[in-house]
PDB file of all heavy atoms in Angstrom:
ATOM      1  N   ALA A   1     120.968 139.021  99.917  1.00  0.00           N
ATOM      2  CA  ALA A   1     121.109 140.135 100.854  1.00  0.00           C
ATOM      3  C   ALA A   1     121.501 141.426 100.142  1.00  0.00           C
ATOM      4  O   ALA A   1     121.312 142.518 100.677  1.00  0.00           O
ATOM      5  CB  ALA A   1     122.141 139.792 101.919  1.00  0.00           C
ATOM      6  N   ALA A   2     122.056 141.297  98.939  1.00  0.00           N
ATOM      7  CA  ALA A   2     122.489 142.479  98.191  1.00  0.00           C
ATOM      8  C   ALA A   2     121.372 143.075  97.339  1.00  0.00           C
ATOM      9  O   ALA A   2     121.542 144.155  96.771  1.00  0.00           O
ATOM     10  CB  ALA A   2     123.682 142.119  97.297  1.00  0.00           C
ATOM     11  N   LEU A   3     120.233 142.388  97.258  1.00  0.00           N
ATOM     12  CA  LEU A   3     119.128 142.879  96.445  1.00  0.00           C
ATOM     13  C   LEU A   3     118.270 143.856  97.247  1.00  0.00           C
ATOM     14  O   LEU A   3     118.010 143.628  98.427  1.00  0.00           O
ATOM     15  CB  LEU A   3     118.251 141.717  95.975  1.00  0.00           C
ATOM     16  CG  LEU A   3     118.908 140.674  95.079  1.00  0.00           C
ATOM     17  CD1 LEU A   3     117.928 139.543  94.804  1.00  0.00           C
ATOM     18  CD2 LEU A   3     119.383 141.289  93.774  1.00  0.00           C
ATOM     19  N   PRO A   4     117.800 144.941  96.638  1.00  0.00           N
ATOM     20  CA  PRO A   4     116.881 145.844  97.339  1.00  0.00           C
ATOM     21  C   PRO A   4     115.607 145.109  97.732  1.00  0.00           C
ATOM     22  O   PRO A   4     115.151 144.196  97.028  1.00  0.00           O
ATOM     23  CB  PRO A   4     116.588 146.932  96.296  1.00  0.00           C
ATOM     24  CG  PRO A   4     117.700 146.848  95.312  1.00  0.00           C
ATOM     25  CD  PRO A   4     118.121 145.404  95.278  1.00  0.00           C
ATOM     26  N   ALA A   5     115.040 145.468  98.879  1.00  0.00           N
ATOM     27  CA  ALA A   5     113.799 144.835  99.328  1.00  0.00           C
ATOM     28  C   ALA A   5     112.668 145.066  98.342  1.00  0.00           C
ATOM     29  O   ALA A   5     111.682 144.331  98.338  1.00  0.00           O
ATOM     30  CB  ALA A   5     113.412 145.359 100.702  1.00  0.00           C
ATOM     31  N   THR A   6     112.788 146.073  97.501  1.00  0.00           N
ATOM     32  CA  THR A   6     111.751 146.398  96.525  1.00  0.00           C
ATOM     33  C   THR A   6     111.909 145.632  95.210  1.00  0.00           C
ATOM     34  O   THR A   6     111.151 145.853  94.273  1.00  0.00           O
ATOM     35  CB  THR A   6     111.773 147.903  96.208  1.00  0.00           C
ATOM     36  OG1 THR A   6     113.103 148.280  95.799  1.00  0.00           O
ATOM     37  CG2 THR A   6     111.381 148.717  97.437  1.00  0.00           C
ATOM     38  N   THR A   7     112.874 144.721  95.135  1.00  0.00           N
ATOM     39  CA  THR A   7     113.084 143.947  93.908  1.00  0.00           C
ATOM     40  C   THR A   7     111.817 143.190  93.537  1.00  0.00           C
ATOM     41  O   THR A   7     111.226 142.499  94.372  1.00  0.00           O
ATOM     42  CB  THR A   7     114.243 142.957  94.091  1.00  0.00           C
ATOM     43  OG1 THR A   7     115.436 143.677  94.399  1.00  0.00           O
ATOM     44  CG2 THR A   7     114.464 142.136  92.823  1.00  0.00           C
ATOM     45  N   TYR A   8     111.392 143.291  92.284  1.00  0.00           N
ATOM     46  CA  TYR A   8     110.219 142.554  91.820  1.00  0.00           C
ATOM     47  C   TYR A   8     110.501 141.071  91.924  1.00  0.00           C
ATOM     48  O   TYR A   8     111.548 140.596  91.498  1.00  0.00           O
ATOM     49  CB  TYR A   8     109.887 142.946  90.376  1.00  0.00           C
ATOM     50  CG  TYR A   8     108.721 142.173  89.809  1.00  0.00           C
ATOM     51  CD1 TYR A   8     107.448 142.324  90.352  1.00  0.00           C
ATOM     52  CD2 TYR A   8     108.885 141.287  88.758  1.00  0.00           C
ATOM     53  CE1 TYR A   8     106.362 141.622  89.867  1.00  0.00           C
ATOM     54  CE2 TYR A   8     107.806 140.576  88.250  1.00  0.00           C
ATOM     55  CZ  TYR A   8     106.552 140.747  88.813  1.00  0.00           C
ATOM     56  OH  TYR A   8     105.485 140.031  88.322  1.00  0.00           O
ATOM     57  N   ASN A   9     109.577 140.326  92.506  1.00  0.00           N
ATOM     58  CA  ASN A   9     109.855 138.913  92.767  1.00  0.00           C
ATOM     59  C   ASN A   9     109.037 137.944  91.931  1.00  0.00           C
ATOM     60  O   ASN A   9     108.943 136.769  92.249  1.00  0.00           O
ATOM     61  CB  ASN A   9     109.686 138.597  94.265  1.00  0.00           C
ATOM     62  CG  ASN A   9     108.260 138.747  94.744  1.00  0.00           C
ATOM     63  OD1 ASN A   9     107.331 138.868  93.940  1.00  0.00           O
ATOM     64  ND2 ASN A   9     108.061 138.728  96.055  1.00  0.00           N
ATOM     65  N   GLY A  10     108.439 138.416  90.838  1.00  0.00           N
ATOM     66  CA  GLY A  10     107.770 137.502  89.928  1.00  0.00           C
ATOM     67  C   GLY A  10     108.767 136.545  89.287  1.00  0.00           C
ATOM     68  O   GLY A  10     109.953 136.833  89.167  1.00  0.00           O
ATOM     69  N   ASP A  11     108.296 135.394  88.865  1.00  0.00           N
ATOM     70  CA  ASP A  11     109.190 134.341  88.390  1.00  0.00           C
ATOM     71  C   ASP A  11     109.939 134.741  87.126  1.00  0.00           C
ATOM     72  O   ASP A  11     111.123 134.445  86.983  1.00  0.00           O
ATOM     73  CB  ASP A  11     108.395 133.057  88.138  1.00  0.00           C
ATOM     74  CG  ASP A  11     109.279 131.829  88.152  1.00  0.00           C
ATOM     75  OD1 ASP A  11     109.899 131.549  89.192  1.00  0.00           O
ATOM     76  OD2 ASP A  11     109.361 131.155  87.112  1.00  0.00           O
ATOM     77  N   THR A  12     109.278 135.420  86.207  1.00  0.00           N
ATOM     78  CA  THR A  12     109.937 135.789  84.957  1.00  0.00           C
ATOM     79  C   THR A  12     111.133 136.693  85.220  1.00  0.00           C
ATOM     80  O   THR A  12     112.219 136.496  84.658  1.00  0.00           O
ATOM     81  CB  THR A  12     108.948 136.487  84.009  1.00  0.00           C
ATOM     82  OG1 THR A  12     107.854 135.606  83.743  1.00  0.00           O
ATOM     83  CG2 THR A  12     109.614 136.846  82.703  1.00  0.00           C
ATOM     84  N   TYR A  13     110.966 137.678  86.118  1.00  0.00           N
ATOM     85  CA  TYR A  13     112.075 138.573  86.428  1.00  0.00           C
ATOM     86  C   TYR A  13     113.112 137.886  87.305  1.00  0.00           C
ATOM     87  O   TYR A  13     114.316 137.989  87.062  1.00  0.00           O
ATOM     88  CB  TYR A  13     111.570 139.831  87.131  1.00  0.00           C
ATOM     89  CG  TYR A  13     112.707 140.773  87.497  1.00  0.00           C
ATOM     90  CD1 TYR A  13     113.319 141.550  86.524  1.00  0.00           C
ATOM     91  CD2 TYR A  13     113.175 140.849  88.804  1.00  0.00           C
ATOM     92  CE1 TYR A  13     114.374 142.381  86.837  1.00  0.00           C
ATOM     93  CE2 TYR A  13     114.222 141.685  89.136  1.00  0.00           C
ATOM     94  CZ  TYR A  13     114.823 142.448  88.149  1.00  0.00           C
ATOM     95  OH  TYR A  13     115.871 143.268  88.463  1.00  0.00           O
ATOM     96  N   THR A  14     112.665 137.178  88.340  1.00  0.00           N
ATOM     97  CA  THR A  14     113.598 136.524  89.264  1.00  0.00           C
ATOM     98  C   THR A  14     114.503 135.540  88.537  1.00  0.00           C
ATOM     99  O   THR A  14     115.677 135.385  88.887  1.00  0.00           O
ATOM    100  CB  THR A  14     112.820 135.788  90.371  1.00  0.00           C
ATOM    101  OG1 THR A  14     111.951 136.715  91.024  1.00  0.00           O
ATOM    102  CG2 THR A  14     113.761 135.196  91.407  1.00  0.00           C
ATOM    103  N   SER A  15     113.982 134.889  87.528  1.00  0.00           N
ATOM    104  CA  SER A  15     114.769 133.885  86.812  1.00  0.00           C
ATOM    105  C   SER A  15     115.971 134.489  86.103  1.00  0.00           C
ATOM    106  O   SER A  15     116.916 133.783  85.774  1.00  0.00           O
ATOM    107  CB  SER A  15     113.885 133.149  85.802  1.00  0.00           C
ATOM    108  OG  SER A  15     113.451 134.017  84.768  1.00  0.00           O
ATOM    109  N   THR A  16     115.963 135.805  85.877  1.00  0.00           N
ATOM    110  CA  THR A  16     117.123 136.441  85.245  1.00  0.00           C
ATOM    111  C   THR A  16     118.238 136.704  86.255  1.00  0.00           C
ATOM    112  O   THR A  16     119.371 137.000  85.862  1.00  0.00           O
ATOM    113  CB  THR A  16     116.715 137.780  84.595  1.00  0.00           C
ATOM    114  OG1 THR A  16     116.326 138.722  85.608  1.00  0.00           O
ATOM    115  CG2 THR A  16     115.558 137.585  83.634  1.00  0.00           C
ATOM    116  N   LEU A  17     117.939 136.603  87.546  1.00  0.00           N
ATOM    117  CA  LEU A  17     118.913 136.904  88.595  1.00  0.00           C
ATOM    118  C   LEU A  17     119.678 135.668  89.070  1.00  0.00           C
ATOM    119  O   LEU A  17     120.718 135.798  89.708  1.00  0.00           O
ATOM    120  CB  LEU A  17     118.205 137.527  89.807  1.00  0.00           C
ATOM    121  CG  LEU A  17     117.390 138.793  89.566  1.00  0.00           C
ATOM    122  CD1 LEU A  17     116.707 139.218  90.857  1.00  0.00           C
ATOM    123  CD2 LEU A  17     118.274 139.907  89.023  1.00  0.00           C
ATOM    124  N   TRP A  18     119.146 134.486  88.769  1.00  0.00           N
ATOM    125  CA  TRP A  18     119.683 133.264  89.361  1.00  0.00           C
ATOM    126  C   TRP A  18     119.909 132.184  88.315  1.00  0.00           C
ATOM    127  O   TRP A  18     119.253 132.152  87.272  1.00  0.00           O
ATOM    128  CB  TRP A  18     118.698 132.702  90.397  1.00  0.00           C
ATOM    129  CG  TRP A  18     118.261 133.693  91.409  1.00  0.00           C
ATOM    130  CD1 TRP A  18     117.149 134.496  91.364  1.00  0.00           C
ATOM    131  CD2 TRP A  18     118.929 134.021  92.613  1.00  0.00           C
ATOM    132  NE1 TRP A  18     117.100 135.285  92.472  1.00  0.00           N
ATOM    133  CE2 TRP A  18     118.173 135.023  93.264  1.00  0.00           C
ATOM    134  CE3 TRP A  18     120.105 133.557  93.223  1.00  0.00           C
ATOM    135  CZ2 TRP A  18     118.547 135.571  94.476  1.00  0.00           C
ATOM    136  CZ3 TRP A  18     120.472 134.105  94.436  1.00  0.00           C
ATOM    137  CH2 TRP A  18     119.700 135.100  95.052  1.00  0.00           C
ATOM    138  N   ASP A  19     120.780 131.264  88.650  1.00  0.00           N
ATOM    139  CA  ASP A  19     120.799 129.954  88.025  1.00  0.00           C
ATOM    140  C   ASP A  19     120.086 129.013  88.977  1.00  0.00           C
ATOM    141  O   ASP A  19     119.980 129.283  90.168  1.00  0.00           O
ATOM    142  CB  ASP A  19     122.246 129.482  87.794  1.00  0.00           C
ATOM    143  CG  ASP A  19     122.975 130.357  86.795  1.00  0.00           C
ATOM    144  OD1 ASP A  19     122.467 130.506  85.671  1.00  0.00           O
ATOM    145  OD2 ASP A  19     124.033 130.894  87.152  1.00  0.00           O
ATOM    146  N   GLY A  20     119.596 127.890  88.452  1.00  0.00           N
ATOM    147  CA  GLY A  20     118.936 126.925  89.325  1.00  0.00           C
ATOM    148  C   GLY A  20     117.628 126.443  88.756  1.00  0.00           C
ATOM    149  O   GLY A  20     117.449 126.366  87.540  1.00  0.00           O
ATOM    150  N   TRP A  21     116.677 126.147  89.651  1.00  0.00           N
ATOM    151  CA  TRP A  21     115.397 125.605  89.233  1.00  0.00           C
ATOM    152  C   TRP A  21     114.383 125.741  90.366  1.00  0.00           C
ATOM    153  O   TRP A  21     114.746 125.958  91.520  1.00  0.00           O
ATOM    154  CB  TRP A  21     115.521 124.132  88.829  1.00  0.00           C
ATOM    155  CG  TRP A  21     116.335 123.293  89.792  1.00  0.00           C
ATOM    156  CD1 TRP A  21     117.673 123.027  89.708  1.00  0.00           C
ATOM    157  CD2 TRP A  21     115.878 122.639  90.982  1.00  0.00           C
ATOM    158  NE1 TRP A  21     118.071 122.233  90.771  1.00  0.00           N
ATOM    159  CE2 TRP A  21     116.993 121.985  91.563  1.00  0.00           C
ATOM    160  CE3 TRP A  21     114.639 122.534  91.607  1.00  0.00           C
ATOM    161  CZ2 TRP A  21     116.890 121.249  92.741  1.00  0.00           C
ATOM    162  CZ3 TRP A  21     114.538 121.800  92.786  1.00  0.00           C
ATOM    163  CH2 TRP A  21     115.655 121.161  93.338  1.00  0.00           C
ATOM    164  N   ARG A  22     113.114 125.600  90.008  1.00  0.00           N
ATOM    165  CA  ARG A  22     112.058 125.599  91.023  1.00  0.00           C
ATOM    166  C   ARG A  22     110.936 124.660  90.572  1.00  0.00           C
ATOM    167  O   ARG A  22     110.686 124.453  89.381  1.00  0.00           O
ATOM    168  CB  ARG A  22     111.545 127.009  91.291  1.00  0.00           C
ATOM    169  CG  ARG A  22     111.044 127.790  90.089  1.00  0.00           C
ATOM    170  CD  ARG A  22     109.643 127.436  89.691  1.00  0.00           C
ATOM    171  NE  ARG A  22     109.088 128.316  88.670  1.00  0.00           N
ATOM    172  CZ  ARG A  22     108.091 127.965  87.880  1.00  0.00           C
ATOM    173  NH1 ARG A  22     107.566 126.754  87.951  1.00  0.00           N
ATOM    174  NH2 ARG A  22     107.615 128.807  86.985  1.00  0.00           N
ATOM    175  N   ILE A  23     110.263 124.085  91.557  1.00  0.00           N
ATOM    176  CA  ILE A  23     109.124 123.195  91.324  1.00  0.00           C
ATOM    177  C   ILE A  23     107.854 123.913  91.755  1.00  0.00           C
ATOM    178  O   ILE A  23     107.810 124.528  92.824  1.00  0.00           O
ATOM    179  CB  ILE A  23     109.276 121.882  92.107  1.00  0.00           C
ATOM    180  CG1 ILE A  23     110.450 121.078  91.552  1.00  0.00           C
ATOM    181  CG2 ILE A  23     107.991 121.049  92.056  1.00  0.00           C
ATOM    182  CD1 ILE A  23     110.788 119.844  92.370  1.00  0.00           C
ATOM    183  N   THR A  24     106.841 123.860  90.928  1.00  0.00           N
ATOM    184  CA  THR A  24     105.543 124.446  91.252  1.00  0.00           C
ATOM    185  C   THR A  24     104.627 123.371  91.806  1.00  0.00           C
ATOM    186  O   THR A  24     104.382 122.353  91.161  1.00  0.00           O
ATOM    187  CB  THR A  24     104.896 125.065  90.007  1.00  0.00           C
ATOM    188  OG1 THR A  24     105.758 126.077  89.491  1.00  0.00           O
ATOM    189  CG2 THR A  24     103.557 125.695  90.346  1.00  0.00           C
ATOM    190  N   HIS A  25     104.131 123.613  93.020  1.00  0.00           N
ATOM    191  CA  HIS A  25     103.102 122.737  93.573  1.00  0.00           C
ATOM    192  C   HIS A  25     101.766 123.073  92.929  1.00  0.00           C
ATOM    193  O   HIS A  25     101.509 124.214  92.552  1.00  0.00           O
ATOM    194  CB  HIS A  25     103.005 122.912  95.087  1.00  0.00           C
ATOM    195  CG  HIS A  25     104.132 122.277  95.829  1.00  0.00           C
ATOM    196  ND1 HIS A  25     104.304 120.917  95.879  1.00  0.00           N
ATOM    197  CD2 HIS A  25     105.156 122.813  96.533  1.00  0.00           C
ATOM    198  CE1 HIS A  25     105.381 120.637  96.596  1.00  0.00           C
ATOM    199  NE2 HIS A  25     105.924 121.772  97.002  1.00  0.00           N
ATOM    200  N   ALA A  26     100.930 122.075  92.822  1.00  0.00           N
ATOM    201  CA  ALA A  26      99.644 122.235  92.145  1.00  0.00           C
ATOM    202  C   ALA A  26      98.864 123.396  92.724  1.00  0.00           C
ATOM    203  O   ALA A  26      98.907 123.674  93.913  1.00  0.00           O
ATOM    204  CB  ALA A  26      98.831 120.945  92.280  1.00  0.00           C
ATOM    205  N   ASN A  27      98.143 124.103  91.852  1.00  0.00           N
ATOM    206  CA  ASN A  27      97.419 125.288  92.280  1.00  0.00           C
ATOM    207  C   ASN A  27      96.031 125.312  91.678  1.00  0.00           C
ATOM    208  O   ASN A  27      95.634 124.404  90.958  1.00  0.00           O
ATOM    209  CB  ASN A  27      98.192 126.554  91.881  1.00  0.00           C
ATOM    210  CG  ASN A  27      98.464 126.614  90.382  1.00  0.00           C
ATOM    211  OD1 ASN A  27      97.738 126.046  89.581  1.00  0.00           O
ATOM    212  ND2 ASN A  27      99.517 127.309  90.007  1.00  0.00           N
ATOM    213  N   LYS A  28      95.288 126.368  92.003  1.00  0.00           N
ATOM    214  CA  LYS A  28      94.023 126.583  91.315  1.00  0.00           C
ATOM    215  C   LYS A  28      94.289 127.502  90.145  1.00  0.00           C
ATOM    216  O   LYS A  28      94.857 128.567  90.289  1.00  0.00           O
ATOM    217  CB  LYS A  28      92.975 127.201  92.239  1.00  0.00           C
ATOM    218  CG  LYS A  28      91.641 127.412  91.523  1.00  0.00           C
ATOM    219  CD  LYS A  28      90.523 127.778  92.463  1.00  0.00           C
ATOM    220  CE  LYS A  28      89.224 127.911  91.665  1.00  0.00           C
ATOM    221  NZ  LYS A  28      88.076 128.208  92.534  1.00  0.00           N
ATOM    222  N   ASP A  29      93.838 127.110  88.977  1.00  0.00           N
ATOM    223  CA  ASP A  29      94.213 127.801  87.749  1.00  0.00           C
ATOM    224  C   ASP A  29      93.085 127.593  86.751  1.00  0.00           C
ATOM    225  O   ASP A  29      92.355 126.609  86.826  1.00  0.00           O
ATOM    226  CB  ASP A  29      95.512 127.183  87.230  1.00  0.00           C
ATOM    227  CG  ASP A  29      96.180 127.985  86.133  1.00  0.00           C
ATOM    228  OD1 ASP A  29      95.479 128.476  85.235  1.00  0.00           O
ATOM    229  OD2 ASP A  29      97.402 128.087  86.171  1.00  0.00           O
ATOM    230  N   LEU A  30      92.971 128.505  85.823  1.00  0.00           N
ATOM    231  CA  LEU A  30      91.989 128.303  84.764  1.00  0.00           C
ATOM    232  C   LEU A  30      92.448 127.249  83.769  1.00  0.00           C
ATOM    233  O   LEU A  30      91.652 126.732  82.999  1.00  0.00           O
ATOM    234  CB  LEU A  30      91.731 129.629  84.041  1.00  0.00           C
ATOM    235  CG  LEU A  30      91.149 130.741  84.920  1.00  0.00           C
ATOM    236  CD1 LEU A  30      90.892 131.992  84.087  1.00  0.00           C
ATOM    237  CD2 LEU A  30      89.861 130.286  85.585  1.00  0.00           C
ATOM    238  N   LYS A  31      93.749 126.925  83.800  1.00  0.00           N
ATOM    239  CA  LYS A  31      94.305 125.913  82.895  1.00  0.00           C
ATOM    240  C   LYS A  31      94.528 124.643  83.700  1.00  0.00           C
ATOM    241  O   LYS A  31      95.627 124.354  84.155  1.00  0.00           O
ATOM    242  CB  LYS A  31      95.602 126.421  82.267  1.00  0.00           C
ATOM    243  CG  LYS A  31      95.419 127.672  81.420  1.00  0.00           C
ATOM    244  CD  LYS A  31      96.745 128.257  80.995  1.00  0.00           C
ATOM    245  CE  LYS A  31      97.471 128.883  82.160  1.00  0.00           C
ATOM    246  NZ  LYS A  31      98.688 129.607  81.752  1.00  0.00           N
ATOM    247  N   GLU A  32      93.472 123.871  83.912  1.00  0.00           N
ATOM    248  CA  GLU A  32      93.530 122.749  84.844  1.00  0.00           C
ATOM    249  C   GLU A  32      94.551 121.687  84.441  1.00  0.00           C
ATOM    250  O   GLU A  32      95.111 121.003  85.280  1.00  0.00           O
ATOM    251  CB  GLU A  32      92.146 122.105  84.975  1.00  0.00           C
ATOM    252  CG  GLU A  32      91.127 123.000  85.667  1.00  0.00           C
ATOM    253  CD  GLU A  32      91.482 123.292  87.111  1.00  0.00           C
ATOM    254  OE1 GLU A  32      92.246 122.509  87.702  1.00  0.00           O
ATOM    255  OE2 GLU A  32      91.007 124.300  87.650  1.00  0.00           O
ATOM    256  N   ILE A  33      94.805 121.541  83.154  1.00  0.00           N
ATOM    257  CA  ILE A  33      95.761 120.513  82.723  1.00  0.00           C
ATOM    258  C   ILE A  33      97.133 120.794  83.316  1.00  0.00           C
ATOM    259  O   ILE A  33      97.852 119.895  83.736  1.00  0.00           O
ATOM    260  CB  ILE A  33      95.832 120.443  81.182  1.00  0.00           C
ATOM    261  CG1 ILE A  33      94.509 119.921  80.621  1.00  0.00           C
ATOM    262  CG2 ILE A  33      96.979 119.561  80.730  1.00  0.00           C
ATOM    263  CD1 ILE A  33      94.454 119.893  79.109  1.00  0.00           C
TER     264      ILE A  33
END
């Protein structure tokens, strides 16, 4: 709630704001492996 609504929410930047973890569900990607 203290973060500006304009905060960049990409994973690389967001990871600097928090401790914790996240799981990625399978997606469509050029790197199928």
